[in-house]
């Protein structure tokens, strides 16, 4: 019975969390997503060892760092693409 009362609360929290992402930047969204996925994965692994709380905390930290680094990689990729486009336009105009 206890699990049945937790399900609506979890669904509500998930809905609130996803709704809050509307005003976030891409960096914030990717970092938060990484933290959420990391926390879930860390809790799962931690539950196998009997320490789900610390697993979730460590997983959230690692996931947030991973999400942030992924975002920085995407931004660098986009900037390099834009530089290439600009350089390509400059070469065609010089001819």
PDB file of N, CA and C in Angstrom:
ATOM      1  N   UNK A   1       0.819  -1.195   0.000  1.00  0.00           N
ATOM      2  CA  UNK A   1       0.000   0.000   0.000  1.00  0.00           C
ATOM      3  C   UNK A   1       0.866   1.262   0.000  1.00  0.00           C
ATOM      4  N   UNK A   2       2.009   1.185   0.665  1.00  0.00           N
ATOM      5  CA  UNK A   2       2.887   2.349   0.752  1.00  0.00           C
ATOM      6  C   UNK A   2       3.393   2.755  -0.629  1.00  0.00           C
ATOM      7  N   UNK A   3       3.691   1.790  -1.477  1.00  0.00           N
ATOM      8  CA  UNK A   3       4.177   2.099  -2.821  1.00  0.00           C
ATOM      9  C   UNK A   3       3.106   2.783  -3.661  1.00  0.00           C
ATOM     10  N   UNK A   4       1.871   2.441  -3.463  1.00  0.00           N
ATOM     11  CA  UNK A   4       0.793   3.042  -4.236  1.00  0.00           C
ATOM     12  C   UNK A   4       0.605   4.514  -3.892  1.00  0.00           C
ATOM     13  N   UNK A   5       0.893   4.923  -2.683  1.00  0.00           N
ATOM     14  CA  UNK A   5       0.774   6.338  -2.328  1.00  0.00           C
ATOM     15  C   UNK A   5       1.983   7.132  -2.807  1.00  0.00           C
ATOM     16  N   UNK A   6       3.099   6.474  -3.018  1.00  0.00           N
ATOM     17  CA  UNK A   6       4.296   7.161  -3.491  1.00  0.00           C
ATOM     18  C   UNK A   6       4.242   7.423  -4.997  1.00  0.00           C
ATOM     19  N   UNK A   7       3.525   6.600  -5.748  1.00  0.00           N
ATOM     20  CA  UNK A   7       3.471   6.748  -7.192  1.00  0.00           C
ATOM     21  C   UNK A   7       2.882   8.096  -7.622  1.00  0.00           C
ATOM     22  N   UNK A   8       1.732   8.526  -7.120  1.00  0.00           N
ATOM     23  CA  UNK A   8       1.224   9.844  -7.522  1.00  0.00           C
ATOM     24  C   UNK A   8       2.165  10.981  -7.125  1.00  0.00           C
ATOM     25  N   UNK A   9       2.811  10.852  -5.988  1.00  0.00           N
ATOM     26  CA  UNK A   9       3.750  11.897  -5.557  1.00  0.00           C
ATOM     27  C   UNK A   9       4.940  11.962  -6.506  1.00  0.00           C
ATOM     28  N   UNK A  10       5.427  10.811  -6.934  1.00  0.00           N
ATOM     29  CA  UNK A  10       6.558  10.780  -7.861  1.00  0.00           C
ATOM     30  C   UNK A  10       6.160  11.363  -9.216  1.00  0.00           C
ATOM     31  N   UNK A  11       4.977  11.041  -9.689  1.00  0.00           N
ATOM     32  CA  UNK A  11       4.501  11.568 -10.969  1.00  0.00           C
ATOM     33  C   UNK A  11       4.323  13.081 -10.877  1.00  0.00           C
ATOM     34  N   UNK A  12       3.776  13.558  -9.773  1.00  0.00           N
ATOM     35  CA  UNK A  12       3.602  14.996  -9.567  1.00  0.00           C
ATOM     36  C   UNK A  12       4.955  15.705  -9.555  1.00  0.00           C
ATOM     37  N   UNK A  13       5.921  15.156  -8.829  1.00  0.00           N
ATOM     38  CA  UNK A  13       7.251  15.768  -8.751  1.00  0.00           C
ATOM     39  C   UNK A  13       7.917  15.792 -10.121  1.00  0.00           C
ATOM     40  N   UNK A  14       7.756  14.726 -10.891  1.00  0.00           N
ATOM     41  CA  UNK A  14       8.320  14.678 -12.238  1.00  0.00           C
ATOM     42  C   UNK A  14       7.692  15.745 -13.131  1.00  0.00           C
ATOM     43  N   UNK A  15       6.377  15.901 -13.029  1.00  0.00           N
ATOM     44  CA  UNK A  15       5.683  16.910 -13.824  1.00  0.00           C
ATOM     45  C   UNK A  15       6.121  18.317 -13.477  1.00  0.00           C
ATOM     46  N   UNK A  16       6.250  18.599 -12.200  1.00  0.00           N
ATOM     47  CA  UNK A  16       6.720  19.916 -11.756  1.00  0.00           C
ATOM     48  C   UNK A  16       8.145  20.152 -12.239  1.00  0.00           C
ATOM     49  N   UNK A  17       8.973  19.131 -12.128  1.00  0.00           N
ATOM     50  CA  UNK A  17      10.367  19.258 -12.562  1.00  0.00           C
ATOM     51  C   UNK A  17      10.491  19.524 -14.046  1.00  0.00           C
ATOM     52  N   UNK A  18       9.711  18.838 -14.846  1.00  0.00           N
ATOM     53  CA  UNK A  18       9.768  19.048 -16.291  1.00  0.00           C
ATOM     54  C   UNK A  18       9.184  20.396 -16.682  1.00  0.00           C
ATOM     55  N   UNK A  19       8.167  20.838 -16.000  1.00  0.00           N
ATOM     56  CA  UNK A  19       7.583  22.143 -16.288  1.00  0.00           C
ATOM     57  C   UNK A  19       8.533  23.278 -15.969  1.00  0.00           C
ATOM     58  N   UNK A  20       9.390  23.084 -15.001  1.00  0.00           N
ATOM     59  CA  UNK A  20      10.340  24.123 -14.615  1.00  0.00           C
ATOM     60  C   UNK A  20      11.449  24.299 -15.642  1.00  0.00           C
ATOM     61  N   UNK A  21      11.618  23.343 -16.532  1.00  0.00           N
ATOM     62  CA  UNK A  21      12.685  23.405 -17.528  1.00  0.00           C
ATOM     63  C   UNK A  21      12.386  24.372 -18.669  1.00  0.00           C
ATOM     64  N   UNK A  22      11.169  24.886 -18.748  1.00  0.00           N
ATOM     65  CA  UNK A  22      10.781  25.723 -19.881  1.00  0.00           C
ATOM     66  C   UNK A  22      11.612  27.006 -19.973  1.00  0.00           C
ATOM     67  N   UNK A  23      11.992  27.584 -18.868  1.00  0.00           N
ATOM     68  CA  UNK A  23      12.727  28.845 -18.877  1.00  0.00           C
ATOM     69  C   UNK A  23      14.231  28.669 -18.708  1.00  0.00           C
ATOM     70  N   UNK A  24      14.716  27.451 -18.836  1.00  0.00           N
ATOM     71  CA  UNK A  24      16.136  27.185 -18.631  1.00  0.00           C
ATOM     72  C   UNK A  24      16.912  27.330 -19.943  1.00  0.00           C
ATOM     73  N   UNK A  25      18.179  27.666 -19.805  1.00  0.00           N
ATOM     74  CA  UNK A  25      19.060  27.657 -20.966  1.00  0.00           C
ATOM     75  C   UNK A  25      19.404  26.211 -21.299  1.00  0.00           C
ATOM     76  N   UNK A  26      20.002  26.000 -22.460  1.00  0.00           N
ATOM     77  CA  UNK A  26      20.415  24.650 -22.828  1.00  0.00           C
ATOM     78  C   UNK A  26      21.415  24.089 -21.824  1.00  0.00           C
ATOM     79  N   UNK A  27      22.348  24.918 -21.372  1.00  0.00           N
ATOM     80  CA  UNK A  27      23.345  24.475 -20.397  1.00  0.00           C
ATOM     81  C   UNK A  27      22.674  24.029 -19.110  1.00  0.00           C
ATOM     82  N   UNK A  28      21.735  24.814 -18.598  1.00  0.00           N
ATOM     83  CA  UNK A  28      21.035  24.450 -17.368  1.00  0.00           C
ATOM     84  C   UNK A  28      20.220  23.179 -17.552  1.00  0.00           C
ATOM     85  N   UNK A  29      19.562  23.061 -18.688  1.00  0.00           N
ATOM     86  CA  UNK A  29      18.724  21.891 -18.945  1.00  0.00           C
ATOM     87  C   UNK A  29      19.567  20.619 -19.037  1.00  0.00           C
ATOM     88  N   UNK A  30      20.690  20.695 -19.745  1.00  0.00           N
ATOM     89  CA  UNK A  30      21.545  19.513 -19.888  1.00  0.00           C
ATOM     90  C   UNK A  30      22.201  19.138 -18.569  1.00  0.00           C
ATOM     91  N   UNK A  31      22.584  20.134 -17.776  1.00  0.00           N
ATOM     92  CA  UNK A  31      23.180  19.848 -16.470  1.00  0.00           C
ATOM     93  C   UNK A  31      22.160  19.210 -15.541  1.00  0.00           C
ATOM     94  N   UNK A  32      20.948  19.749 -15.520  1.00  0.00           N
ATOM     95  CA  UNK A  32      19.887  19.192 -14.669  1.00  0.00           C
ATOM     96  C   UNK A  32      19.494  17.790 -15.116  1.00  0.00           C
ATOM     97  N   UNK A  33      19.422  17.569 -16.419  1.00  0.00           N
ATOM     98  CA  UNK A  33      19.094  16.238 -16.923  1.00  0.00           C
ATOM     99  C   UNK A  33      20.179  15.254 -16.523  1.00  0.00           C
ATOM    100  N   UNK A  34      21.431  15.653 -16.660  1.00  0.00           N
ATOM    101  CA  UNK A  34      22.532  14.783 -16.246  1.00  0.00           C
ATOM    102  C   UNK A  34      22.472  14.464 -14.766  1.00  0.00           C
ATOM    103  N   UNK A  35      22.134  15.465 -13.962  1.00  0.00           N
ATOM    104  CA  UNK A  35      22.022  15.236 -12.518  1.00  0.00           C
ATOM    105  C   UNK A  35      20.886  14.274 -12.199  1.00  0.00           C
ATOM    106  N   UNK A  36      19.766  14.427 -12.866  1.00  0.00           N
ATOM    107  CA  UNK A  36      18.629  13.536 -12.620  1.00  0.00           C
ATOM    108  C   UNK A  36      18.913  12.108 -13.024  1.00  0.00           C
ATOM    109  N   UNK A  37      19.475  11.939 -14.211  1.00  0.00           N
ATOM    110  CA  UNK A  37      19.804  10.588 -14.676  1.00  0.00           C
ATOM    111  C   UNK A  37      20.891   9.979 -13.795  1.00  0.00           C
ATOM    112  N   UNK A  38      21.880  10.788 -13.435  1.00  0.00           N
ATOM    113  CA  UNK A  38      22.947  10.296 -12.561  1.00  0.00           C
ATOM    114  C   UNK A  38      22.434   9.898 -11.191  1.00  0.00           C
ATOM    115  N   UNK A  39      21.511  10.684 -10.642  1.00  0.00           N
ATOM    116  CA  UNK A  39      20.944  10.361  -9.330  1.00  0.00           C
ATOM    117  C   UNK A  39      20.163   9.053  -9.389  1.00  0.00           C
ATOM    118  N   UNK A  40      19.387   8.876 -10.450  1.00  0.00           N
ATOM    119  CA  UNK A  40      18.621   7.633 -10.586  1.00  0.00           C
ATOM    120  C   UNK A  40      19.555   6.440 -10.747  1.00  0.00           C
ATOM    121  N   UNK A  41      20.559   6.590 -11.598  1.00  0.00           N
ATOM    122  CA  UNK A  41      21.518   5.501 -11.786  1.00  0.00           C
ATOM    123  C   UNK A  41      22.310   5.220 -10.524  1.00  0.00           C
ATOM    124  N   UNK A  42      22.726   6.276  -9.842  1.00  0.00           N
ATOM    125  CA  UNK A  42      23.469   6.104  -8.597  1.00  0.00           C
ATOM    126  C   UNK A  42      22.640   5.454  -7.511  1.00  0.00           C
ATOM    127  N   UNK A  43      21.361   5.808  -7.438  1.00  0.00           N
ATOM    128  CA  UNK A  43      20.472   5.183  -6.446  1.00  0.00           C
ATOM    129  C   UNK A  43      20.271   3.710  -6.765  1.00  0.00           C
ATOM    130  N   UNK A  44      20.153   3.400  -8.052  1.00  0.00           N
ATOM    131  CA  UNK A  44      19.984   2.009  -8.451  1.00  0.00           C
ATOM    132  C   UNK A  44      21.217   1.184  -8.092  1.00  0.00           C
ATOM    133  N   UNK A  45      22.378   1.681  -8.458  1.00  0.00           N
ATOM    134  CA  UNK A  45      23.611   0.963  -8.132  1.00  0.00           C
ATOM    135  C   UNK A  45      23.803   0.917  -6.621  1.00  0.00           C
ATOM    136  N   UNK A  46      23.517   2.041  -5.951  1.00  0.00           N
ATOM    137  CA  UNK A  46      23.659   2.077  -4.500  1.00  0.00           C
ATOM    138  C   UNK A  46      22.722   1.133  -3.789  1.00  0.00           C
ATOM    139  N   UNK A  47      21.534   0.919  -4.351  1.00  0.00           N
ATOM    140  CA  UNK A  47      20.591  -0.001  -3.707  1.00  0.00           C
ATOM    141  C   UNK A  47      21.093  -1.437  -3.766  1.00  0.00           C
ATOM    142  N   UNK A  48      21.883  -1.745  -4.758  1.00  0.00           N
ATOM    143  CA  UNK A  48      22.463  -3.091  -4.858  1.00  0.00           C
ATOM    144  C   UNK A  48      23.518  -3.314  -3.781  1.00  0.00           C
ATOM    145  N   UNK A  49      24.157  -2.230  -3.365  1.00  0.00           N
ATOM    146  CA  UNK A  49      25.184  -2.335  -2.330  1.00  0.00           C
ATOM    147  C   UNK A  49      24.647  -1.954  -0.951  1.00  0.00           C
ATOM    148  N   UNK A  50      23.398  -1.532  -0.893  1.00  0.00           N
ATOM    149  CA  UNK A  50      22.790  -1.169   0.377  1.00  0.00           C
ATOM    150  C   UNK A  50      23.015   0.273   0.781  1.00  0.00           C
ATOM    151  N   UNK A  51      23.414   1.107  -0.147  1.00  0.00           N
ATOM    152  CA  UNK A  51      23.692   2.501   0.173  1.00  0.00           C
ATOM    153  C   UNK A  51      23.142   3.418  -0.912  1.00  0.00           C
ATOM    154  N   UNK A  52      21.834   3.374  -1.109  1.00  0.00           N
ATOM    155  CA  UNK A  52      21.200   4.112  -2.200  1.00  0.00           C
ATOM    156  C   UNK A  52      21.316   5.619  -2.030  1.00  0.00           C
ATOM    157  N   UNK A  53      21.306   6.113  -0.803  1.00  0.00           N
ATOM    158  CA  UNK A  53      21.364   7.557  -0.567  1.00  0.00           C
ATOM    159  C   UNK A  53      22.647   8.171  -1.085  1.00  0.00           C
ATOM    160  N   UNK A  54      23.773   7.601  -0.683  1.00  0.00           N
ATOM    161  CA  UNK A  54      25.047   8.144  -1.152  1.00  0.00           C
ATOM    162  C   UNK A  54      25.250   7.870  -2.629  1.00  0.00           C
ATOM    163  N   UNK A  55      24.734   6.765  -3.109  1.00  0.00           N
ATOM    164  CA  UNK A  55      24.824   6.479  -4.540  1.00  0.00           C
ATOM    165  C   UNK A  55      24.109   7.532  -5.355  1.00  0.00           C
ATOM    166  N   UNK A  56      22.939   7.954  -4.877  1.00  0.00           N
ATOM    167  CA  UNK A  56      22.182   8.986  -5.586  1.00  0.00           C
ATOM    168  C   UNK A  56      22.913  10.322  -5.560  1.00  0.00           C
ATOM    169  N   UNK A  57      23.503  10.665  -4.440  1.00  0.00           N
ATOM    170  CA  UNK A  57      24.226  11.931  -4.321  1.00  0.00           C
ATOM    171  C   UNK A  57      25.449  11.945  -5.238  1.00  0.00           C
ATOM    172  N   UNK A  58      26.205  10.883  -5.201  1.00  0.00           N
ATOM    173  CA  UNK A  58      27.399  10.796  -6.049  1.00  0.00           C
ATOM    174  C   UNK A  58      26.983  10.762  -7.517  1.00  0.00           C
ATOM    175  N   UNK A  59      25.958   9.980  -7.825  1.00  0.00           N
ATOM    176  CA  UNK A  59      25.467   9.906  -9.199  1.00  0.00           C
ATOM    177  C   UNK A  59      24.985  11.248  -9.709  1.00  0.00           C
ATOM    178  N   UNK A  60      24.311  12.012  -8.858  1.00  0.00           N
ATOM    179  CA  UNK A  60      23.830  13.338  -9.266  1.00  0.00           C
ATOM    180  C   UNK A  60      25.003  14.260  -9.582  1.00  0.00           C
ATOM    181  N   UNK A  61      26.032  14.216  -8.769  1.00  0.00           N
ATOM    182  CA  UNK A  61      27.210  15.052  -9.012  1.00  0.00           C
ATOM    183  C   UNK A  61      27.917  14.677 -10.300  1.00  0.00           C
ATOM    184  N   UNK A  62      28.115  13.387 -10.496  1.00  0.00           N
ATOM    185  CA  UNK A  62      28.782  12.917 -11.713  1.00  0.00           C
ATOM    186  C   UNK A  62      27.913  13.222 -12.935  1.00  0.00           C
ATOM    187  N   UNK A  63      26.606  12.997 -12.809  1.00  0.00           N
ATOM    188  CA  UNK A  63      25.699  13.270 -13.926  1.00  0.00           C
ATOM    189  C   UNK A  63      25.645  14.746 -14.275  1.00  0.00           C
ATOM    190  N   UNK A  64      25.632  15.609 -13.275  1.00  0.00           N
ATOM    191  CA  UNK A  64      25.619  17.052 -13.526  1.00  0.00           C
ATOM    192  C   UNK A  64      26.895  17.475 -14.240  1.00  0.00           C
ATOM    193  N   UNK A  65      28.025  16.955 -13.785  1.00  0.00           N
ATOM    194  CA  UNK A  65      29.297  17.282 -14.442  1.00  0.00           C
ATOM    195  C   UNK A  65      29.295  16.774 -15.882  1.00  0.00           C
ATOM    196  N   UNK A  66      28.799  15.571 -16.078  1.00  0.00           N
ATOM    197  CA  UNK A  66      28.729  15.020 -17.427  1.00  0.00           C
ATOM    198  C   UNK A  66      27.810  15.829 -18.334  1.00  0.00           C
ATOM    199  N   UNK A  67      26.662  16.230 -17.820  1.00  0.00           N
ATOM    200  CA  UNK A  67      25.736  17.053 -18.600  1.00  0.00           C
ATOM    201  C   UNK A  67      26.339  18.391 -18.965  1.00  0.00           C
ATOM    202  N   UNK A  68      27.057  18.988 -18.036  1.00  0.00           N
ATOM    203  CA  UNK A  68      27.702  20.276 -18.295  1.00  0.00           C
ATOM    204  C   UNK A  68      28.793  20.129 -19.356  1.00  0.00           C
ATOM    205  N   UNK A  69      29.622  19.097 -19.214  1.00  0.00           N
ATOM    206  CA  UNK A  69      30.689  18.877 -20.184  1.00  0.00           C
ATOM    207  C   UNK A  69      30.134  18.566 -21.569  1.00  0.00           C
ATOM    208  N   UNK A  70      29.044  17.818 -21.616  1.00  0.00           N
ATOM    209  CA  UNK A  70      28.397  17.532 -22.902  1.00  0.00           C
ATOM    210  C   UNK A  70      27.914  18.830 -23.545  1.00  0.00           C
ATOM    211  N   UNK A  71      27.318  19.700 -22.738  1.00  0.00           N
ATOM    212  CA  UNK A  71      26.836  20.975 -23.261  1.00  0.00           C
ATOM    213  C   UNK A  71      27.986  21.812 -23.798  1.00  0.00           C
ATOM    214  N   UNK A  72      29.096  21.866 -23.080  1.00  0.00           N
ATOM    215  CA  UNK A  72      30.238  22.645 -23.538  1.00  0.00           C
ATOM    216  C   UNK A  72      30.780  22.089 -24.851  1.00  0.00           C
ATOM    217  N   UNK A  73      30.780  20.778 -24.986  1.00  0.00           N
ATOM    218  CA  UNK A  73      31.218  20.148 -26.227  1.00  0.00           C
ATOM    219  C   UNK A  73      30.309  20.534 -27.387  1.00  0.00           C
ATOM    220  N   UNK A  74      29.005  20.517 -27.141  1.00  0.00           N
ATOM    221  CA  UNK A  74      28.045  20.899 -28.184  1.00  0.00           C
ATOM    222  C   UNK A  74      28.228  22.364 -28.587  1.00  0.00           C
ATOM    223  N   UNK A  75      28.466  23.232 -27.614  1.00  0.00           N
ATOM    224  CA  UNK A  75      28.665  24.650 -27.922  1.00  0.00           C
ATOM    225  C   UNK A  75      29.927  24.858 -28.740  1.00  0.00           C
ATOM    226  N   UNK A  76      31.012  24.156 -28.388  1.00  0.00           N
ATOM    227  CA  UNK A  76      32.253  24.272 -29.148  1.00  0.00           C
ATOM    228  C   UNK A  76      32.064  23.766 -30.577  1.00  0.00           C
ATOM    229  N   UNK A  77      31.319  22.689 -30.718  1.00  0.00           N
ATOM    230  CA  UNK A  77      31.031  22.133 -32.036  1.00  0.00           C
ATOM    231  C   UNK A  77      30.238  23.131 -32.883  1.00  0.00           C
ATOM    232  N   UNK A  78      29.243  23.745 -32.280  1.00  0.00           N
ATOM    233  CA  UNK A  78      28.415  24.725 -32.996  1.00  0.00           C
ATOM    234  C   UNK A  78      29.237  25.950 -33.393  1.00  0.00           C
ATOM    235  N   UNK A  79      30.106  26.416 -32.497  1.00  0.00           N
ATOM    236  CA  UNK A  79      30.949  27.569 -32.808  1.00  0.00           C
ATOM    237  C   UNK A  79      31.914  27.249 -33.952  1.00  0.00           C
ATOM    238  N   UNK A  80      32.491  26.044 -33.937  1.00  0.00           N
ATOM    239  CA  UNK A  80      33.399  25.642 -35.009  1.00  0.00           C
ATOM    240  C   UNK A  80      32.652  25.570 -36.342  1.00  0.00           C
ATOM    241  N   UNK A  81      31.441  25.072 -36.310  1.00  0.00           N
ATOM    242  CA  UNK A  81      30.631  25.005 -37.529  1.00  0.00           C
ATOM    243  C   UNK A  81      30.368  26.403 -38.068  1.00  0.00           C
ATOM    244  N   UNK A  82      29.982  27.324 -37.194  1.00  0.00           N
ATOM    245  CA  UNK A  82      29.703  28.689 -37.624  1.00  0.00           C
ATOM    246  C   UNK A  82      30.953  29.370 -38.186  1.00  0.00           C
ATOM    247  N   UNK A  83      32.114  29.115 -37.560  1.00  0.00           N
ATOM    248  CA  UNK A  83      33.363  29.679 -38.093  1.00  0.00           C
ATOM    249  C   UNK A  83      33.638  29.131 -39.490  1.00  0.00           C
ATOM    250  N   UNK A  84      33.409  27.829 -39.668  1.00  0.00           N
ATOM    251  CA  UNK A  84      33.613  27.222 -40.980  1.00  0.00           C
ATOM    252  C   UNK A  84      32.690  27.804 -42.032  1.00  0.00           C
ATOM    253  N   UNK A  85      31.450  28.057 -41.664  1.00  0.00           N
ATOM    254  CA  UNK A  85      30.503  28.667 -42.597  1.00  0.00           C
ATOM    255  C   UNK A  85      30.978  30.058 -42.980  1.00  0.00           C
ATOM    256  N   UNK A  86      31.394  30.837 -41.995  1.00  0.00           N
ATOM    257  CA  UNK A  86      31.856  32.197 -42.271  1.00  0.00           C
ATOM    258  C   UNK A  86      33.119  32.190 -43.131  1.00  0.00           C
ATOM    259  N   UNK A  87      34.048  31.286 -42.847  1.00  0.00           N
ATOM    260  CA  UNK A  87      35.264  31.200 -43.652  1.00  0.00           C
ATOM    261  C   UNK A  87      34.930  30.774 -45.080  1.00  0.00           C
ATOM    262  N   UNK A  88      34.000  29.846 -45.215  1.00  0.00           N
ATOM    263  CA  UNK A  88      33.589  29.400 -46.545  1.00  0.00           C
ATOM    264  C   UNK A  88      32.941  30.517 -47.335  1.00  0.00           C
ATOM    265  N   UNK A  89      32.150  31.316 -46.694  1.00  0.00           N
ATOM    266  CA  UNK A  89      31.525  32.459 -47.371  1.00  0.00           C
ATOM    267  C   UNK A  89      32.569  33.496 -47.769  1.00  0.00           C
ATOM    268  N   UNK A  90      33.573  33.684 -46.932  1.00  0.00           N
ATOM    269  CA  UNK A  90      34.627  34.644 -47.227  1.00  0.00           C
ATOM    270  C   UNK A  90      35.456  34.205 -48.415  1.00  0.00           C
ATOM    271  N   UNK A  91      35.713  32.916 -48.577  1.00  0.00           N
ATOM    272  CA  UNK A  91      36.507  32.413 -49.694  1.00  0.00           C
ATOM    273  C   UNK A  91      35.750  32.513 -51.003  1.00  0.00           C
ATOM    274  N   UNK A  92      34.436  32.280 -50.986  1.00  0.00           N
ATOM    275  CA  UNK A  92      33.678  32.358 -52.225  1.00  0.00           C
ATOM    276  C   UNK A  92      33.526  33.810 -52.671  1.00  0.00           C
ATOM    277  N   UNK A  93      33.495  34.742 -51.750  1.00  0.00           N
ATOM    278  CA  UNK A  93      33.378  36.144 -52.103  1.00  0.00           C
ATOM    279  C   UNK A  93      34.687  36.708 -52.638  1.00  0.00           C
ATOM    280  N   UNK A  94      35.826  36.120 -52.198  1.00  0.00           N
ATOM    281  CA  UNK A  94      37.133  36.604 -52.630  1.00  0.00           C
ATOM    282  C   UNK A  94      37.410  36.225 -54.079  1.00  0.00           C
ATOM    283  N   UNK A  95      36.769  35.202 -54.589  1.00  0.00           N
ATOM    284  CA  UNK A  95      37.015  34.755 -55.975  1.00  0.00           C
ATOM    285  C   UNK A  95      36.360  35.653 -56.897  1.00  0.00           C
TER     286      UNK A  95
END
